[in-house]
Protein backbone atom coordinates (compact mmCIF):
# COMPACT_ATOMS: atom_id res chain seq x y z
CA MET A 1 -18.99 30.39 7.72
CA ARG A 2 -17.19 31.06 4.48
CA ARG A 3 -17.11 28.75 1.52
CA ALA A 4 -13.96 26.72 0.96
CA ASP A 5 -11.95 28.07 -1.95
CA SER A 6 -11.41 26.05 -5.10
CA THR A 7 -8.10 24.64 -3.84
CA GLU A 8 -9.72 22.98 -0.85
CA PRO A 9 -11.29 19.51 -0.91
CA SER A 10 -15.05 19.55 -1.40
CA ARG A 11 -17.41 18.79 1.48
CA THR A 12 -19.97 17.31 -0.87
CA PRO A 13 -20.63 13.70 0.20
CA ARG A 14 -18.91 11.30 -2.16
CA PRO A 15 -20.47 8.01 -3.19
CA ALA A 16 -18.55 4.85 -2.45
CA GLU A 17 -18.06 3.98 -6.09
CA HIS A 18 -15.45 1.29 -5.40
CA VAL A 19 -16.05 -0.97 -2.41
CA ALA A 20 -13.60 -3.72 -1.48
CA ILE A 21 -14.64 -6.46 0.94
CA ILE A 22 -12.59 -8.90 3.02
CA MET A 23 -15.16 -11.69 3.26
CA ASP A 24 -14.29 -13.23 6.61
CA GLY A 25 -16.10 -15.60 8.92
CA ASN A 26 -17.38 -18.41 6.71
CA GLY A 27 -15.65 -21.12 8.73
CA ARG A 28 -16.72 -19.74 12.09
CA TRP A 29 -20.28 -19.34 10.85
CA ALA A 30 -20.39 -23.05 9.97
CA THR A 31 -18.56 -24.46 13.01
CA SER A 32 -20.75 -22.42 15.39
CA ARG A 33 -23.65 -24.41 13.95
CA GLY A 34 -21.85 -27.74 14.13
CA TRP A 35 -21.36 -27.92 10.36
CA PRO A 36 -18.21 -28.47 8.27
CA ARG A 37 -16.32 -25.31 7.33
CA LEU A 38 -17.02 -25.88 3.64
CA VAL A 39 -20.73 -25.40 4.31
CA GLY A 40 -19.86 -21.89 5.43
CA HIS A 41 -17.82 -21.28 2.29
CA ARG A 42 -20.73 -22.42 0.11
CA ARG A 43 -23.09 -20.11 2.00
CA GLY A 44 -20.55 -17.32 1.60
CA ALA A 45 -20.56 -17.81 -2.18
CA GLU A 46 -24.35 -17.43 -2.15
CA ARG A 47 -23.94 -14.19 -0.19
CA VAL A 48 -21.68 -12.81 -2.92
CA ARG A 49 -24.56 -13.22 -5.37
CA GLU A 50 -26.87 -11.12 -3.17
CA ILE A 51 -24.31 -8.37 -2.60
CA VAL A 52 -23.44 -8.17 -6.31
CA ARG A 53 -27.10 -7.63 -7.16
CA ALA A 54 -27.43 -4.87 -4.57
CA CYS A 55 -24.37 -2.84 -5.61
CA PRO A 56 -25.71 -0.86 -8.61
CA ASP A 57 -28.68 0.47 -6.62
CA LEU A 58 -26.25 1.69 -3.93
CA GLY A 59 -24.17 3.63 -6.43
CA ILE A 60 -21.34 1.10 -6.34
CA ARG A 61 -19.69 0.72 -9.73
CA TRP A 62 -16.72 -1.43 -8.70
CA LEU A 63 -16.80 -4.28 -6.18
CA THR A 64 -13.64 -6.16 -5.25
CA VAL A 65 -13.87 -9.22 -2.99
CA TYR A 66 -11.08 -11.14 -1.26
CA ALA A 67 -11.81 -14.79 -1.97
CA PHE A 68 -8.51 -16.64 -1.40
CA SER A 69 -5.21 -15.27 -0.17
CA THR A 70 -1.67 -16.45 -0.82
CA GLU A 71 -1.63 -17.48 2.86
CA ASN A 72 -4.77 -19.63 2.56
CA TRP A 73 -2.71 -22.48 1.08
CA LYS A 74 -1.73 -23.22 4.71
CA ARG A 75 -5.22 -24.55 5.36
CA SER A 76 -6.01 -28.26 5.19
CA THR A 77 -5.86 -29.94 1.80
CA GLU A 78 -9.55 -30.80 2.12
CA GLU A 79 -10.53 -27.18 2.69
CA VAL A 80 -8.31 -25.83 -0.10
CA LEU A 81 -9.61 -28.35 -2.61
CA GLY A 82 -13.15 -27.65 -1.49
CA LEU A 83 -12.66 -23.90 -1.92
CA MET A 84 -11.29 -24.39 -5.42
CA ALA A 85 -14.29 -26.53 -6.31
CA ILE A 86 -16.62 -23.81 -4.99
CA PHE A 87 -14.82 -21.21 -7.13
CA ALA A 88 -15.20 -23.39 -10.20
CA ARG A 89 -18.91 -23.97 -9.55
CA TYR A 90 -19.48 -20.26 -8.96
CA ILE A 91 -17.85 -19.37 -12.27
CA GLU A 92 -19.80 -22.05 -14.13
CA ARG A 93 -23.17 -21.20 -12.58
CA GLU A 94 -22.87 -17.42 -12.61
CA ALA A 95 -21.47 -16.88 -16.12
CA ASP A 96 -24.84 -16.51 -17.85
CA ARG A 97 -26.42 -14.38 -15.13
CA LEU A 98 -23.47 -12.01 -14.85
CA ALA A 99 -23.35 -11.52 -18.60
CA VAL A 100 -27.09 -10.85 -18.84
CA GLU A 101 -27.05 -8.43 -15.88
CA GLY A 102 -24.16 -6.41 -17.30
CA VAL A 103 -21.60 -7.43 -14.68
CA ARG A 104 -17.99 -7.57 -15.80
CA LEU A 105 -15.99 -10.15 -13.85
CA ARG A 106 -12.22 -10.02 -13.52
CA PHE A 107 -9.67 -11.75 -11.32
CA ILE A 108 -6.54 -10.46 -9.62
CA GLY A 109 -3.76 -12.47 -8.02
CA ASP A 110 -1.14 -14.96 -9.14
CA ARG A 111 -2.90 -17.53 -11.29
CA SER A 112 0.17 -19.67 -11.89
CA ARG A 113 -0.47 -21.90 -8.86
CA LEU A 114 -4.09 -22.56 -9.76
CA ASP A 115 -5.27 -25.64 -11.63
CA PRO A 116 -5.05 -25.10 -15.41
CA LYS A 117 -8.73 -25.99 -15.83
CA LEU A 118 -9.69 -23.33 -13.30
CA GLN A 119 -7.43 -20.83 -15.03
CA ALA A 120 -9.16 -21.57 -18.33
CA MET A 121 -12.59 -21.10 -16.75
CA MET A 122 -11.47 -17.78 -15.28
CA ALA A 123 -10.21 -16.54 -18.64
CA GLY A 124 -13.41 -17.68 -20.30
CA ILE A 125 -15.78 -15.82 -17.99
CA GLU A 126 -13.59 -12.72 -18.14
CA ALA A 127 -13.92 -12.71 -21.93
CA ARG A 128 -17.63 -13.46 -21.83
CA THR A 129 -18.48 -10.67 -19.37
CA ALA A 130 -16.04 -8.08 -20.79
CA PRO A 131 -18.84 -5.96 -22.36
CA GLY A 132 -20.55 -5.50 -18.98
CA THR A 133 -20.77 -1.92 -17.71
CA ARG A 134 -23.39 -2.04 -14.93
CA LEU A 135 -20.94 -3.33 -12.32
CA ASN A 136 -17.26 -4.24 -12.34
CA LEU A 137 -16.75 -7.27 -10.09
CA THR A 138 -13.17 -8.21 -9.25
CA VAL A 139 -12.35 -11.41 -7.37
CA ALA A 140 -8.97 -11.67 -5.64
CA ILE A 141 -7.87 -15.31 -5.77
CA ASN A 142 -4.41 -16.47 -4.71
CA TYR A 143 -3.88 -12.81 -3.99
CA GLY A 144 -1.52 -11.17 -1.52
CA GLY A 145 -0.73 -7.48 -1.51
CA ARG A 146 2.98 -7.92 -0.84
CA ASP A 147 3.19 -10.60 -3.51
CA GLU A 148 1.46 -8.27 -5.97
CA ILE A 149 3.89 -5.43 -5.19
CA ALA A 150 6.88 -7.78 -5.52
CA ARG A 151 5.63 -9.01 -8.91
CA ALA A 152 5.11 -5.42 -10.03
CA ALA A 153 8.62 -4.49 -8.85
CA ARG A 154 10.11 -7.34 -10.89
CA SER A 155 8.16 -6.15 -13.93
CA VAL A 156 9.43 -2.60 -13.49
CA ALA A 157 12.99 -3.87 -12.97
CA ARG A 158 12.83 -5.83 -16.24
CA ALA A 159 11.52 -2.78 -18.08
CA VAL A 160 14.39 -0.66 -16.75
CA ALA A 161 17.00 -3.35 -17.47
CA GLU A 162 15.75 -3.72 -21.04
CA GLY A 163 15.79 0.02 -21.62
CA ARG A 164 12.02 0.32 -22.00
CA LEU A 165 11.71 2.51 -18.91
CA ALA A 166 14.11 5.12 -17.58
CA PRO A 167 14.80 4.92 -13.81
CA GLU A 168 13.72 8.53 -13.35
CA ALA A 169 10.42 7.66 -15.04
CA VAL A 170 9.50 5.23 -12.23
CA THR A 171 6.74 7.16 -10.47
CA GLU A 172 3.77 6.13 -8.37
CA ALA A 173 1.64 6.17 -11.51
CA SER A 174 4.04 4.17 -13.65
CA PHE A 175 4.54 1.63 -10.86
CA ALA A 176 0.78 1.26 -10.34
CA ALA A 177 0.47 0.44 -14.05
CA HIS A 178 2.29 -2.83 -13.29
CA LEU A 179 -0.10 -3.89 -10.52
CA ASP A 180 -2.92 -6.40 -11.03
CA THR A 181 -5.38 -3.53 -10.62
CA ALA A 182 -3.81 -1.30 -13.29
CA ASP A 183 -7.14 -0.63 -15.00
CA LEU A 184 -9.21 -0.25 -11.81
CA PRO A 185 -9.72 2.82 -9.62
CA ASP A 186 -8.48 2.70 -6.05
CA PRO A 187 -11.11 1.62 -3.51
CA ASP A 188 -13.02 4.31 -1.65
CA LEU A 189 -14.15 1.96 1.10
CA VAL A 190 -12.80 -1.31 2.48
CA ILE A 191 -15.08 -3.49 4.61
CA ARG A 192 -14.03 -6.45 6.71
CA THR A 193 -16.61 -8.78 8.21
CA SER A 194 -16.38 -11.09 11.27
CA GLY A 195 -15.02 -8.66 13.86
CA GLU A 196 -11.36 -8.86 12.90
CA THR A 197 -9.64 -5.47 12.61
CA ARG A 198 -6.64 -6.24 10.41
CA THR A 199 -6.29 -5.76 6.68
CA SER A 200 -4.65 -9.15 6.00
CA ASN A 201 -2.46 -8.09 3.08
CA PHE A 202 -5.42 -6.91 1.01
CA LEU A 203 -4.79 -4.08 -1.46
CA PRO A 204 -2.11 -2.31 0.65
CA TRP A 205 -1.04 -0.04 -2.23
CA GLN A 206 -4.50 0.69 -3.59
CA ALA A 207 -6.22 1.28 -0.23
CA ALA A 208 -3.72 3.86 1.05
CA TYR A 209 -6.49 6.49 1.24
CA ALA A 210 -9.51 4.24 1.59
CA GLU A 211 -11.94 4.47 4.48
CA TYR A 212 -12.30 1.27 6.55
CA GLU A 213 -15.29 -0.34 8.23
CA PHE A 214 -15.01 -3.38 10.48
CA THR A 215 -18.24 -5.18 11.28
CA GLN A 216 -18.90 -8.01 13.73
CA THR A 217 -21.19 -9.70 11.19
CA LEU A 218 -19.89 -12.97 9.77
CA TRP A 219 -19.81 -12.94 5.99
CA PRO A 220 -22.67 -15.45 5.42
CA ASP A 221 -24.90 -13.14 7.48
CA PHE A 222 -23.80 -9.89 5.79
CA THR A 223 -26.81 -8.42 4.03
CA ALA A 224 -27.43 -5.84 1.36
CA ALA A 225 -29.13 -3.74 4.05
CA GLU A 226 -25.96 -3.67 6.16
CA LEU A 227 -23.89 -2.81 3.10
CA GLY A 228 -26.28 0.06 2.40
CA ALA A 229 -25.93 1.37 5.96
CA ILE A 230 -22.13 1.29 5.74
CA VAL A 231 -22.16 3.06 2.38
CA ALA A 232 -24.46 5.73 3.84
CA ARG A 233 -22.05 6.33 6.72
CA PHE A 234 -19.20 6.60 4.25
CA GLY A 235 -21.05 9.33 2.40
CA ASN A 236 -21.08 11.49 5.53
CA ARG A 237 -17.36 11.20 6.22
CA GLU A 238 -15.05 14.11 5.50
CA ARG A 239 -12.28 12.94 3.18
CA ARG A 240 -9.43 15.47 3.04
CA PHE A 241 -6.71 13.43 1.28
CA GLY A 242 -4.04 15.32 3.19
CA GLY A 243 -5.68 18.72 2.67
CA VAL A 244 -7.52 20.97 5.11
CA VAL A 245 -11.12 22.06 4.98
CA ARG A 246 -11.44 25.47 6.63
CA ALA A 247 -14.59 26.75 8.25
């Protein structure tokens, strides 16, 4: 076998530096036990804490989790209000720990529909954890990929209309600079729990070349050990990005 030349993609296993997770199955986890759905959401929030702690040791530098989609407003008022309360408690309780452990927390999504108090809490923890470099944690709340792209398109259109951006200067890179994730790398690996095999409008632009894993495990049961096994499988995959690796 001959070595691939310098123009060919490398076969060296790549770490999954940016992992994105669709945290699905909280409600089913609870109802299967005869408990209210919000119990599952609370248990799911506790699982986030465990996974965040495990990421640095697995070589994960960026973790993005899908917490609440633009479509989740269709759920019952009780569940939506309960979810928002869980978000607020998570931010309040985790602020000190995240800051001490070097975790930088950021949020993506349209914040305008969220309660002003929650928005203020989000901005506060973002500022407090900004110095963190051990792990970049991004929480998608009131997030939808199509909504994000539409908001970015409006931003680009305004820039062109105001003469700040020439039409011919609208490239993939310049467009991506208007997305919520402008200062984040694209995900290497996207995981969805609970056995569903759809992407549910999560990072459609950013995950164009991501690897996907779909696991039957419900999110409250998803462990650091399972995450480690998935990351290990990712490391053995051949990622060509449109190129060809010749033998």
